Amino acid sequence: MEKAKIKASQMFILVVLFEMGSAILIVPGFAAKQDAWIAILLGLACGLLIFLIYYQLYTYYPELPFTSYVQEITGKWIGRLLGLLYIIYFMYFATRVLRDFGELLTTTIYFNTPLIVINSLMMLTIIYGVRKGIEVMARVGELFFGVIYLMASAGFLLILFSGLIHLENLQPVLEFGWKPVFITFLRETNLRPFGEMIVFTMLLPYLNDKKKVKTACMFGMILAGINVTITAVINVATLGVDLFERSNFPLLTTIGKIQLANFIERLDVLFMLYLVIGGFFKISIFFYAAVVGATDLFHFKNHQKLSFPIGLIILLASVTIASNYAEHIQEGIKMVPVYIQWPFQIIIPTLLLIIAFFRNRKKKTISS
């Protein structure tokens, strides 16, 4: 592991930026239509409970990252296999988010620029940040946190004063009952973005004050969840249910409708910076977890040696993961939750916690 320490406030900011990341770009819960905000709040509540599983594992092994203590829990060989699978998991999601933001830029601004060029530029920046370490990433997060909230506040006020919000689009509430909301919650909002906090099991040992882990992470999740909920409400209220469902990037479509005083318009390009910053931190944290995990698992002395080769794999995978964006989205909706997110974010950590509980209980019994 890298010899570094970060403050609780920095961890809080990293959680907020990570959770908002691609959830602001592609708002979860759109299958629940105008009730997307309810599905997101349910997902937040469940996500906080899921995080308590990760936190309890951390309390048993506060000095170790996930890839190390999984070997303590299950034994060397099974643990190393699980650690390797989680490294691949982190790389896969870094790949998916990189593809999301590459598609965003190529379809909205850089129409004639190949996807590989856009993704390469973003990946080179991320590799540079990861090589500098978690402390530098945390300080950059502090710098951009204020910028993001300033832009978000300005965007909300411009949307409000443009008269774009029509609250009647949010009605009727629960038009089709609880069933579609609950199905959306199970398939999506409890997994994305809140279940993705599993990645922070690789970062929690860096926190300098162990007592503030739960507070920093859970309050970060709550703030991010409220922000994503507000974004969903604004998108539905502005676009209506049909356009909200059909739009690849609902927030960008919403911002593109801003028109104030006959000269404040076409702000979607400006707010692209807000979205790209969120994507940068989401990819960076997944990528960093993969690099640190591989360094720990294969006993490298320095994580910097692995940053470029792993970054290159993620870059190449981002342009080959799907033949087009529609296929990429369909894979994310139908395949990823069932075969990747449920096992890696909920089922395996729960089993590990049960085993860890009995192992630590046995140790206490023997020592007493």
Protein backbone atom coordinates (compact mmCIF):
# COMPACT_ATOMS: atom_id res chain seq x y z
CA MET A 1 0.00 0.00 0.00
CA GLU A 2 0.99 3.58 -0.62
CA LYS A 3 2.24 5.37 2.49
CA ALA A 4 -0.29 8.17 2.59
CA LYS A 5 -2.94 9.65 4.88
CA ILE A 6 -5.99 11.75 4.10
CA LYS A 7 -8.37 13.71 6.32
CA ALA A 8 -11.99 12.81 7.03
CA SER A 9 -13.15 15.93 5.15
CA GLN A 10 -11.18 14.81 2.09
CA MET A 11 -12.71 11.33 2.29
CA PHE A 12 -16.16 12.93 2.52
CA ILE A 13 -15.48 14.97 -0.64
CA LEU A 14 -14.15 11.95 -2.53
CA VAL A 15 -17.29 9.98 -1.63
CA VAL A 16 -19.57 12.80 -2.85
CA LEU A 17 -17.67 13.29 -6.11
CA PHE A 18 -17.51 9.53 -6.72
CA GLU A 19 -21.18 8.87 -5.99
CA MET A 20 -22.37 11.79 -8.12
CA GLY A 21 -19.93 10.98 -10.97
CA SER A 22 -21.82 9.16 -13.70
CA ALA A 23 -25.09 9.18 -11.67
CA ILE A 24 -25.49 12.86 -12.57
CA LEU A 25 -24.74 12.15 -16.23
CA ILE A 26 -27.04 9.11 -16.55
CA VAL A 27 -29.55 9.45 -13.71
CA PRO A 28 -30.48 6.05 -12.22
CA GLY A 29 -34.09 5.00 -11.83
CA PHE A 30 -35.48 6.20 -15.17
CA ALA A 31 -37.45 2.92 -15.48
CA ALA A 32 -39.65 4.21 -12.62
CA LYS A 33 -40.64 7.17 -14.85
CA GLN A 34 -41.84 10.17 -12.80
CA ASP A 35 -41.22 8.18 -9.60
CA ALA A 36 -37.48 7.91 -10.27
CA TRP A 37 -36.82 10.13 -7.26
CA ILE A 38 -38.57 7.63 -4.96
CA ALA A 39 -36.48 4.75 -6.35
CA ILE A 40 -33.30 6.78 -5.78
CA LEU A 41 -34.21 7.55 -2.15
CA LEU A 42 -34.94 3.85 -1.55
CA GLY A 43 -31.59 3.05 -3.14
CA LEU A 44 -29.88 5.54 -0.83
CA ALA A 45 -31.47 3.98 2.26
CA CYS A 46 -30.42 0.49 1.15
CA GLY A 47 -26.98 1.76 0.10
CA LEU A 48 -26.35 3.05 3.62
CA LEU A 49 -27.16 -0.41 5.00
CA ILE A 50 -24.86 -2.04 2.45
CA PHE A 51 -22.08 0.34 3.42
CA LEU A 52 -22.43 -0.83 7.04
CA ILE A 53 -21.35 -4.28 5.78
CA TYR A 54 -18.20 -2.75 4.27
CA TYR A 55 -17.64 -0.68 7.41
CA GLN A 56 -17.94 -3.72 9.71
CA LEU A 57 -15.37 -5.59 7.60
CA TYR A 58 -13.12 -2.54 7.90
CA THR A 59 -13.43 -2.53 11.72
CA TYR A 60 -12.11 -6.10 11.81
CA TYR A 61 -9.09 -5.20 9.63
CA PRO A 62 -8.61 -1.40 9.84
CA GLU A 63 -5.05 -1.37 8.52
CA LEU A 64 -5.66 -3.61 5.50
CA PRO A 65 -7.26 -3.00 2.10
CA PHE A 66 -9.97 -5.37 0.84
CA THR A 67 -7.54 -7.44 -1.26
CA SER A 68 -5.49 -8.21 1.87
CA TYR A 69 -8.17 -8.97 4.43
CA VAL A 70 -10.15 -11.15 2.04
CA GLN A 71 -7.15 -13.52 2.27
CA GLU A 72 -7.31 -13.35 6.07
CA ILE A 73 -11.00 -14.27 5.98
CA THR A 74 -11.13 -17.03 3.34
CA GLY A 75 -7.56 -18.29 3.25
CA LYS A 76 -4.68 -17.54 0.91
CA TRP A 77 -5.78 -19.19 -2.34
CA ILE A 78 -9.49 -18.39 -2.29
CA GLY A 79 -8.66 -14.92 -1.01
CA ARG A 80 -6.18 -14.24 -3.79
CA LEU A 81 -8.70 -15.41 -6.38
CA LEU A 82 -11.39 -13.14 -4.91
CA GLY A 83 -8.91 -10.27 -4.75
CA LEU A 84 -8.08 -10.77 -8.44
CA LEU A 85 -11.78 -10.84 -9.35
CA TYR A 86 -12.35 -7.55 -7.50
CA ILE A 87 -9.40 -5.94 -9.30
CA ILE A 88 -11.04 -6.95 -12.59
CA TYR A 89 -14.35 -5.58 -11.25
CA PHE A 90 -12.75 -2.19 -10.50
CA MET A 91 -11.14 -2.13 -13.95
CA TYR A 92 -14.41 -3.06 -15.63
CA PHE A 93 -16.32 -0.21 -14.03
CA ALA A 94 -13.55 2.26 -14.77
CA THR A 95 -13.90 1.08 -18.38
CA ARG A 96 -17.68 1.57 -18.41
CA VAL A 97 -17.54 5.07 -16.94
CA LEU A 98 -14.74 6.07 -19.33
CA ARG A 99 -16.91 4.91 -22.24
CA ASP A 100 -19.87 6.92 -20.87
CA PHE A 101 -17.92 10.15 -20.78
CA GLY A 102 -16.17 9.49 -24.08
CA GLU A 103 -19.57 9.06 -25.71
CA LEU A 104 -20.79 12.23 -24.03
CA LEU A 105 -18.00 14.31 -25.58
CA THR A 106 -18.07 12.71 -29.04
CA THR A 107 -21.84 13.08 -29.40
CA THR A 108 -22.16 16.64 -28.08
CA ILE A 109 -18.99 18.62 -28.87
CA TYR A 110 -16.30 16.66 -30.69
CA PHE A 111 -18.45 15.15 -33.43
CA ASN A 112 -15.60 14.31 -35.80
CA THR A 113 -13.09 13.18 -33.17
CA PRO A 114 -12.60 9.41 -32.77
CA LEU A 115 -13.62 7.95 -29.42
CA ILE A 116 -10.12 6.54 -28.86
CA VAL A 117 -8.62 10.05 -29.01
CA ILE A 118 -11.03 11.50 -26.43
CA ASN A 119 -10.63 8.51 -24.10
CA SER A 120 -6.83 8.59 -24.47
CA LEU A 121 -6.62 12.22 -23.38
CA MET A 122 -8.84 11.60 -20.37
CA MET A 123 -6.99 8.41 -19.44
CA LEU A 124 -3.57 10.04 -19.63
CA THR A 125 -4.76 12.72 -17.21
CA ILE A 126 -6.17 10.08 -14.85
CA ILE A 127 -2.97 7.99 -15.00
CA TYR A 128 -0.97 11.08 -14.06
CA GLY A 129 -3.27 11.73 -11.08
CA VAL A 130 -3.15 8.11 -9.88
CA ARG A 131 0.67 8.03 -10.12
CA LYS A 132 0.77 11.07 -7.83
CA GLY A 133 -1.18 9.16 -5.19
CA ILE A 134 -4.31 9.38 -3.08
CA GLU A 135 -3.19 12.49 -1.16
CA VAL A 136 -2.89 14.53 -4.37
CA MET A 137 -6.23 13.19 -5.64
CA ALA A 138 -7.87 14.18 -2.35
CA ARG A 139 -6.45 17.71 -2.50
CA VAL A 140 -7.60 18.10 -6.11
CA GLY A 141 -11.04 16.93 -4.95
CA GLU A 142 -11.10 19.71 -2.35
CA LEU A 143 -10.25 22.22 -5.07
CA PHE A 144 -12.99 21.08 -7.47
CA PHE A 145 -15.67 20.47 -4.85
CA GLY A 146 -16.43 24.19 -4.55
CA VAL A 147 -16.34 24.64 -8.34
CA ILE A 148 -18.87 21.86 -8.85
CA TYR A 149 -21.28 23.21 -6.25
CA LEU A 150 -20.98 26.74 -7.60
CA MET A 151 -21.82 25.51 -11.11
CA ALA A 152 -24.64 23.29 -9.83
CA SER A 153 -26.20 26.19 -7.91
CA ALA A 154 -25.90 28.49 -10.93
CA GLY A 155 -27.47 25.86 -13.17
CA PHE A 156 -30.39 25.31 -10.79
CA LEU A 157 -31.10 29.04 -10.57
CA LEU A 158 -30.93 29.46 -14.36
CA ILE A 159 -33.32 26.55 -14.89
CA LEU A 160 -35.67 27.97 -12.26
CA PHE A 161 -35.66 31.52 -13.67
CA SER A 162 -36.08 30.22 -17.22
CA GLY A 163 -39.46 28.83 -16.20
CA LEU A 164 -38.56 25.32 -17.35
CA ILE A 165 -39.69 23.45 -14.25
CA HIS A 166 -43.23 22.06 -14.50
CA LEU A 167 -44.02 20.13 -11.32
CA GLU A 168 -47.11 18.62 -12.92
CA ASN A 169 -44.72 16.35 -14.85
CA LEU A 170 -44.01 14.60 -11.55
CA GLN A 171 -47.65 13.61 -11.20
CA PRO A 172 -49.39 11.29 -10.63
CA VAL A 173 -47.13 9.95 -7.91
CA LEU A 174 -47.03 6.14 -7.91
CA GLU A 175 -49.28 6.03 -10.97
CA PHE A 176 -48.58 2.31 -11.44
CA GLY A 177 -48.19 1.51 -7.74
CA TRP A 178 -45.07 0.44 -5.84
CA LYS A 179 -44.15 -2.51 -8.06
CA PRO A 180 -42.22 -0.66 -10.84
CA VAL A 181 -40.50 1.52 -8.22
CA PHE A 182 -39.46 -1.51 -6.18
CA ILE A 183 -38.25 -3.40 -9.27
CA THR A 184 -36.17 -0.35 -10.31
CA PHE A 185 -34.78 -0.15 -6.79
CA LEU A 186 -33.73 -3.82 -6.84
CA ARG A 187 -32.27 -3.73 -10.35
CA GLU A 188 -30.59 -0.36 -10.29
CA THR A 189 -30.73 2.31 -7.60
CA ASN A 190 -29.51 0.18 -4.69
CA LEU A 191 -26.57 -0.90 -6.87
CA ARG A 192 -25.73 2.29 -8.78
CA PRO A 193 -24.30 4.47 -7.42
CA PHE A 194 -24.66 3.53 -3.75
CA GLY A 195 -23.55 -0.11 -3.89
CA GLU A 196 -20.41 0.98 -5.72
CA MET A 197 -19.04 2.14 -2.34
CA ILE A 198 -17.34 -1.28 -2.26
CA VAL A 199 -14.45 0.49 -4.01
CA PHE A 200 -13.79 2.50 -0.83
CA THR A 201 -12.81 -0.69 1.00
CA MET A 202 -9.49 -0.11 -0.78
CA LEU A 203 -9.24 3.50 0.43
CA LEU A 204 -10.48 3.44 4.03
CA PRO A 205 -7.08 2.41 5.53
CA TYR A 206 -5.68 5.75 4.32
CA LEU A 207 -7.94 7.78 6.60
CA ASN A 208 -5.90 9.34 9.42
CA ASP A 209 -8.75 9.30 11.96
CA LYS A 210 -10.32 5.83 12.13
CA LYS A 211 -13.19 7.05 14.30
CA LYS A 212 -14.53 9.29 11.52
CA VAL A 213 -14.76 6.65 8.77
CA LYS A 214 -18.46 5.93 9.20
CA THR A 215 -19.44 9.59 9.55
CA ALA A 216 -17.41 10.80 6.56
CA CYS A 217 -18.61 8.07 4.20
CA MET A 218 -22.26 7.94 5.21
CA PHE A 219 -22.73 11.70 5.18
CA GLY A 220 -21.00 11.79 1.80
CA MET A 221 -23.45 9.18 0.51
CA ILE A 222 -26.42 11.10 1.90
CA LEU A 223 -25.34 14.39 0.32
CA ALA A 224 -24.66 12.72 -3.03
CA GLY A 225 -28.00 10.87 -2.84
CA ILE A 226 -29.88 14.11 -2.22
CA ASN A 227 -28.07 15.74 -5.15
CA VAL A 228 -28.90 12.85 -7.50
CA THR A 229 -32.54 12.91 -6.32
CA ILE A 230 -32.81 16.65 -6.98
CA THR A 231 -31.26 16.13 -10.42
CA ALA A 232 -33.85 13.44 -11.24
CA VAL A 233 -36.71 15.70 -10.09
CA ILE A 234 -35.43 18.63 -12.19
CA ASN A 235 -34.94 16.43 -15.26
CA VAL A 236 -38.44 14.95 -15.10
CA ALA A 237 -40.06 18.29 -14.24
CA THR A 238 -38.28 20.00 -17.16
CA LEU A 239 -38.27 17.33 -19.87
CA GLY A 240 -41.37 15.31 -19.05
CA VAL A 241 -41.37 11.54 -18.64
CA ASP A 242 -41.07 10.62 -22.35
CA LEU A 243 -38.03 12.79 -23.11
CA PHE A 244 -36.46 11.90 -19.76
CA GLU A 245 -36.62 8.20 -20.71
CA ARG A 246 -35.41 8.68 -24.28
CA SER A 247 -32.53 11.07 -23.63
CA ASN A 248 -29.05 9.54 -23.40
CA PHE A 249 -27.90 12.41 -21.17
CA PRO A 250 -30.98 13.95 -19.46
CA LEU A 251 -29.14 16.64 -17.48
CA LEU A 252 -27.40 17.92 -20.59
CA THR A 253 -30.73 18.04 -22.43
CA THR A 254 -32.23 19.97 -19.51
CA ILE A 255 -29.37 22.50 -19.45
CA GLY A 256 -29.61 22.89 -23.23
CA LYS A 257 -33.16 24.24 -22.79
CA ILE A 258 -32.01 27.19 -20.66
CA GLN A 259 -32.87 30.49 -22.32
CA LEU A 260 -32.91 33.66 -20.27
CA ALA A 261 -33.18 37.30 -21.34
CA ASN A 262 -32.70 36.32 -25.00
CA PHE A 263 -28.94 36.00 -24.65
CA ILE A 264 -28.18 33.48 -21.87
CA GLU A 265 -28.47 30.20 -23.76
CA ARG A 266 -26.42 27.28 -25.11
CA LEU A 267 -24.95 26.67 -21.66
CA ASP A 268 -24.69 22.92 -22.17
CA VAL A 269 -21.10 23.30 -23.35
CA LEU A 270 -20.18 25.26 -20.21
CA PHE A 271 -21.79 22.72 -17.90
CA MET A 272 -19.97 19.93 -19.70
CA LEU A 273 -17.03 20.84 -17.43
CA TYR A 274 -19.17 20.00 -14.39
CA LEU A 275 -19.96 16.56 -15.82
CA VAL A 276 -16.39 15.81 -16.90
CA ILE A 277 -15.03 16.64 -13.42
CA GLY A 278 -17.47 14.12 -11.91
CA GLY A 279 -16.42 11.51 -14.46
CA PHE A 280 -12.74 12.17 -13.78
CA PHE A 281 -13.08 11.36 -10.08
CA LYS A 282 -15.29 8.32 -10.63
CA ILE A 283 -12.86 6.76 -13.10
CA SER A 284 -9.85 7.79 -11.00
CA ILE A 285 -11.12 6.09 -7.83
CA PHE A 286 -12.05 2.85 -9.62
CA PHE A 287 -8.70 2.93 -11.41
CA TYR A 288 -6.74 3.71 -8.24
CA ALA A 289 -8.46 0.83 -6.40
CA ALA A 290 -7.50 -1.55 -9.23
CA VAL A 291 -3.88 -0.36 -9.23
CA VAL A 292 -3.48 -0.49 -5.45
CA GLY A 293 -5.23 -3.86 -5.34
CA ALA A 294 -2.90 -5.33 -7.95
CA THR A 295 0.11 -3.84 -6.14
CA ASP A 296 -1.01 -5.44 -2.89
CA LEU A 297 -2.00 -8.79 -4.40
CA PHE A 298 1.16 -9.30 -6.45
CA HIS A 299 3.50 -7.67 -3.89
CA PHE A 300 4.85 -4.82 -6.01
CA LYS A 301 6.83 -2.24 -4.08
CA ASN A 302 5.39 0.76 -5.91
CA HIS A 303 1.89 1.27 -7.32
CA GLN A 304 3.25 3.64 -9.97
CA LYS A 305 4.72 0.76 -11.97
CA LEU A 306 1.26 -0.69 -12.61
CA SER A 307 -0.62 2.53 -13.37
CA PHE A 308 0.31 2.73 -17.06
CA PRO A 309 -0.28 -0.93 -18.06
CA ILE A 310 -3.61 -1.11 -16.20
CA GLY A 311 -4.57 2.28 -17.63
CA LEU A 312 -3.78 1.04 -21.14
CA ILE A 313 -6.00 -2.03 -20.62
CA ILE A 314 -8.88 0.17 -19.43
CA LEU A 315 -8.42 2.53 -22.38
CA LEU A 316 -8.47 -0.23 -24.99
CA ALA A 317 -11.38 -1.97 -23.29
CA SER A 318 -13.41 1.26 -23.25
CA VAL A 319 -13.52 1.40 -27.06
CA THR A 320 -14.04 -2.34 -27.58
CA ILE A 321 -16.50 -3.08 -24.77
CA ALA A 322 -19.45 -2.46 -27.13
CA SER A 323 -19.86 -1.75 -30.84
CA ASN A 324 -22.05 1.29 -30.15
CA TYR A 325 -23.46 3.29 -27.25
CA ALA A 326 -26.90 1.65 -27.38
CA GLU A 327 -25.31 -1.77 -26.92
CA HIS A 328 -23.19 -0.40 -24.08
CA ILE A 329 -26.29 0.91 -22.27
CA GLN A 330 -28.26 -2.31 -22.78
CA GLU A 331 -25.39 -4.32 -21.31
CA GLY A 332 -25.38 -1.99 -18.31
CA ILE A 333 -29.14 -2.38 -17.79
CA LYS A 334 -29.62 -6.11 -18.38
CA MET A 335 -26.34 -7.90 -17.67
CA VAL A 336 -24.30 -5.84 -15.20
CA PRO A 337 -26.74 -5.71 -12.24
CA VAL A 338 -27.45 -9.45 -12.17
CA TYR A 339 -24.05 -10.92 -13.00
CA ILE A 340 -21.66 -8.32 -11.57
CA GLN A 341 -23.18 -5.80 -9.17
CA TRP A 342 -25.34 -8.07 -7.00
CA PRO A 343 -22.56 -10.66 -6.48
CA PHE A 344 -19.65 -8.23 -6.03
CA GLN A 345 -21.42 -5.46 -4.12
CA ILE A 346 -23.82 -7.39 -1.89
CA ILE A 347 -23.62 -11.20 -1.90
CA ILE A 348 -19.84 -11.74 -1.56
CA PRO A 349 -19.29 -8.96 1.05
CA THR A 350 -22.19 -10.31 3.12
CA LEU A 351 -20.71 -13.83 3.08
CA LEU A 352 -17.28 -12.42 3.97
CA LEU A 353 -18.76 -10.53 6.91
CA ILE A 354 -20.45 -13.68 8.24
CA ILE A 355 -17.18 -15.64 8.00
CA ALA A 356 -15.18 -12.75 9.51
CA PHE A 357 -17.66 -12.50 12.39
CA PHE A 358 -17.24 -16.15 13.37
CA ARG A 359 -13.46 -16.06 12.84
CA ASN A 360 -13.05 -13.03 15.12
CA ARG A 361 -15.50 -14.47 17.64
CA LYS A 362 -13.42 -17.66 17.77
CA LYS A 363 -10.21 -15.64 18.27
CA LYS A 364 -11.77 -13.74 21.17
CA THR A 365 -12.93 -16.99 22.75
CA ILE A 366 -9.45 -18.54 22.49
CA SER A 367 -7.71 -15.42 23.83
CA SER A 368 -10.07 -15.21 26.80
